[in-house]
Amino acid sequence: MSNRNRLRRHRAWEDWLGIGLGLVIMLAPWVVSEISNQAAVVNAALAGLAVLMLAELDLVKVRRWAEVGQLACGIWVAASPFIFGYGEAGMLRAWHIVAGLLVVLIAAMELWQQSKAEK
């Protein structure tokens, strides 16, 4: 029973992972040397910054809107390769899809934890 209760509590490592993922999203175009698509680079910088800031806010005080914002940002980042036209090939596509889905997973887990803690 105690293992189930541990899963229901908000943990700081989740927010630190969100900060790390925000950095990965921001820096991915330069890491994989795919900076020719200016819209993709600007999108990566802004979306990564948003994920990072929302995760930092969650470190200070857990807020449902910050977790919902992270969920939306994660979906956006995962969909961005197809929206901005770099979804055909390349490592940037893979990095953004994986990082976006990880942000979605963490945000969904945090929302679930918060809903269980409220009961």
Protein backbone atom coordinates (compact mmCIF):
# COMPACT_ATOMS: atom_id res chain seq x y z
CA MET A 1 0.00 0.00 0.00
CA SER A 2 2.84 2.43 0.75
CA ASN A 3 4.27 2.01 -2.78
CA ARG A 4 0.96 3.18 -4.24
CA ASN A 5 0.95 6.23 -1.98
CA ARG A 6 4.48 7.13 -3.08
CA LEU A 7 3.32 7.30 -6.69
CA ARG A 8 0.56 9.70 -5.74
CA ARG A 9 2.83 12.36 -4.23
CA HIS A 10 4.42 15.13 -6.25
CA ARG A 11 8.19 14.80 -6.43
CA ALA A 12 10.81 17.46 -7.12
CA TRP A 13 12.67 15.17 -9.55
CA GLU A 14 9.70 15.41 -11.91
CA ASP A 15 10.15 19.17 -12.09
CA TRP A 16 13.93 18.88 -12.49
CA LEU A 17 13.36 16.43 -15.35
CA GLY A 18 10.97 18.98 -16.90
CA ILE A 19 13.67 21.65 -16.63
CA GLY A 20 16.15 19.30 -18.29
CA LEU A 21 13.71 18.47 -21.07
CA GLY A 22 13.09 22.18 -21.62
CA LEU A 23 16.83 22.65 -22.09
CA VAL A 24 17.00 19.68 -24.46
CA ILE A 25 14.15 21.07 -26.54
CA MET A 26 15.76 24.54 -26.66
CA LEU A 27 19.25 23.36 -27.58
CA ALA A 28 18.34 20.44 -29.88
CA PRO A 29 18.68 22.39 -33.17
CA TRP A 30 22.28 23.29 -32.35
CA VAL A 31 23.16 19.89 -30.89
CA VAL A 32 22.10 18.09 -34.06
CA SER A 33 23.28 20.94 -36.34
CA GLU A 34 19.91 21.48 -37.99
CA ILE A 35 19.52 25.25 -37.88
CA SER A 36 18.58 25.89 -41.52
CA ASN A 37 14.82 26.01 -40.76
CA GLN A 38 14.56 29.33 -38.91
CA ALA A 39 10.94 28.74 -37.85
CA ALA A 40 11.91 25.41 -36.27
CA VAL A 41 14.80 27.02 -34.38
CA VAL A 42 12.67 29.86 -33.02
CA ASN A 43 9.90 27.41 -32.13
CA ALA A 44 12.38 25.16 -30.31
CA ALA A 45 13.77 28.08 -28.32
CA LEU A 46 10.35 29.41 -27.31
CA ALA A 47 8.74 26.04 -26.59
CA GLY A 48 11.77 24.83 -24.64
CA LEU A 49 11.81 28.04 -22.62
CA ALA A 50 8.10 27.63 -21.86
CA VAL A 51 8.59 24.03 -20.66
CA LEU A 52 11.57 25.11 -18.56
CA MET A 53 9.72 28.06 -16.96
CA LEU A 54 6.60 26.04 -16.20
CA ALA A 55 8.68 23.29 -14.57
CA GLU A 56 10.52 25.90 -12.49
CA LEU A 57 7.22 27.39 -11.35
CA ASP A 58 6.11 23.92 -10.34
CA LEU A 59 9.23 23.57 -8.18
CA VAL A 60 8.21 26.64 -6.18
CA LYS A 61 4.55 25.72 -5.76
CA VAL A 62 2.52 23.00 -7.40
CA ARG A 63 -0.13 24.56 -9.60
CA ARG A 64 -2.56 22.71 -11.83
CA TRP A 65 -2.35 25.36 -14.58
CA ALA A 66 1.43 24.96 -14.80
CA GLU A 67 1.04 21.22 -15.31
CA VAL A 68 -1.67 21.76 -17.91
CA GLY A 69 0.65 24.24 -19.62
CA GLN A 70 3.44 21.66 -19.66
CA LEU A 71 1.05 19.12 -21.15
CA ALA A 72 0.09 21.56 -23.92
CA CYS A 73 3.73 22.47 -24.58
CA GLY A 74 4.68 18.80 -24.79
CA ILE A 75 1.96 18.14 -27.35
CA TRP A 76 3.07 21.21 -29.30
CA VAL A 77 6.74 20.16 -29.31
CA ALA A 78 5.87 16.61 -30.44
CA ALA A 79 3.68 17.99 -33.25
CA SER A 80 6.08 20.78 -34.28
CA PRO A 81 8.14 18.73 -36.77
CA PHE A 82 4.99 18.21 -38.82
CA ILE A 83 3.70 21.77 -38.40
CA PHE A 84 6.98 23.46 -39.36
CA GLY A 85 7.98 21.04 -42.09
CA TYR A 86 10.94 19.26 -40.58
CA GLY A 87 9.02 16.06 -39.94
CA GLU A 88 10.29 14.15 -42.98
CA ALA A 89 13.74 13.23 -41.75
CA GLY A 90 16.55 14.27 -39.47
CA MET A 91 17.55 13.99 -35.89
CA LEU A 92 15.80 17.19 -34.81
CA ARG A 93 12.47 15.56 -35.61
CA ALA A 94 13.30 12.56 -33.41
CA TRP A 95 14.59 14.73 -30.56
CA HIS A 96 11.48 16.91 -30.53
CA ILE A 97 9.01 14.05 -30.81
CA VAL A 98 10.67 12.08 -28.00
CA ALA A 99 11.22 15.10 -25.74
CA GLY A 100 7.67 16.35 -26.35
CA LEU A 101 6.16 12.98 -25.51
CA LEU A 102 8.27 12.77 -22.35
CA VAL A 103 7.00 16.21 -21.28
CA VAL A 104 3.44 15.01 -21.94
CA LEU A 105 4.05 11.87 -19.88
CA ILE A 106 5.51 13.76 -16.93
CA ALA A 107 2.79 16.42 -17.00
CA ALA A 108 0.05 13.77 -17.15
CA MET A 109 1.66 11.95 -14.23
CA GLU A 110 1.82 15.18 -12.20
CA LEU A 111 -1.82 15.96 -12.97
CA TRP A 112 -2.78 12.44 -11.91
CA GLN A 113 -0.78 12.80 -8.69
CA GLN A 114 -2.45 16.09 -7.93
CA SER A 115 -5.93 14.68 -8.53
CA LYS A 116 -5.16 11.76 -6.17
CA ALA A 117 -3.74 14.10 -3.51
CA GLU A 118 -6.92 16.19 -3.55
CA LYS A 119 -9.07 13.19 -2.66
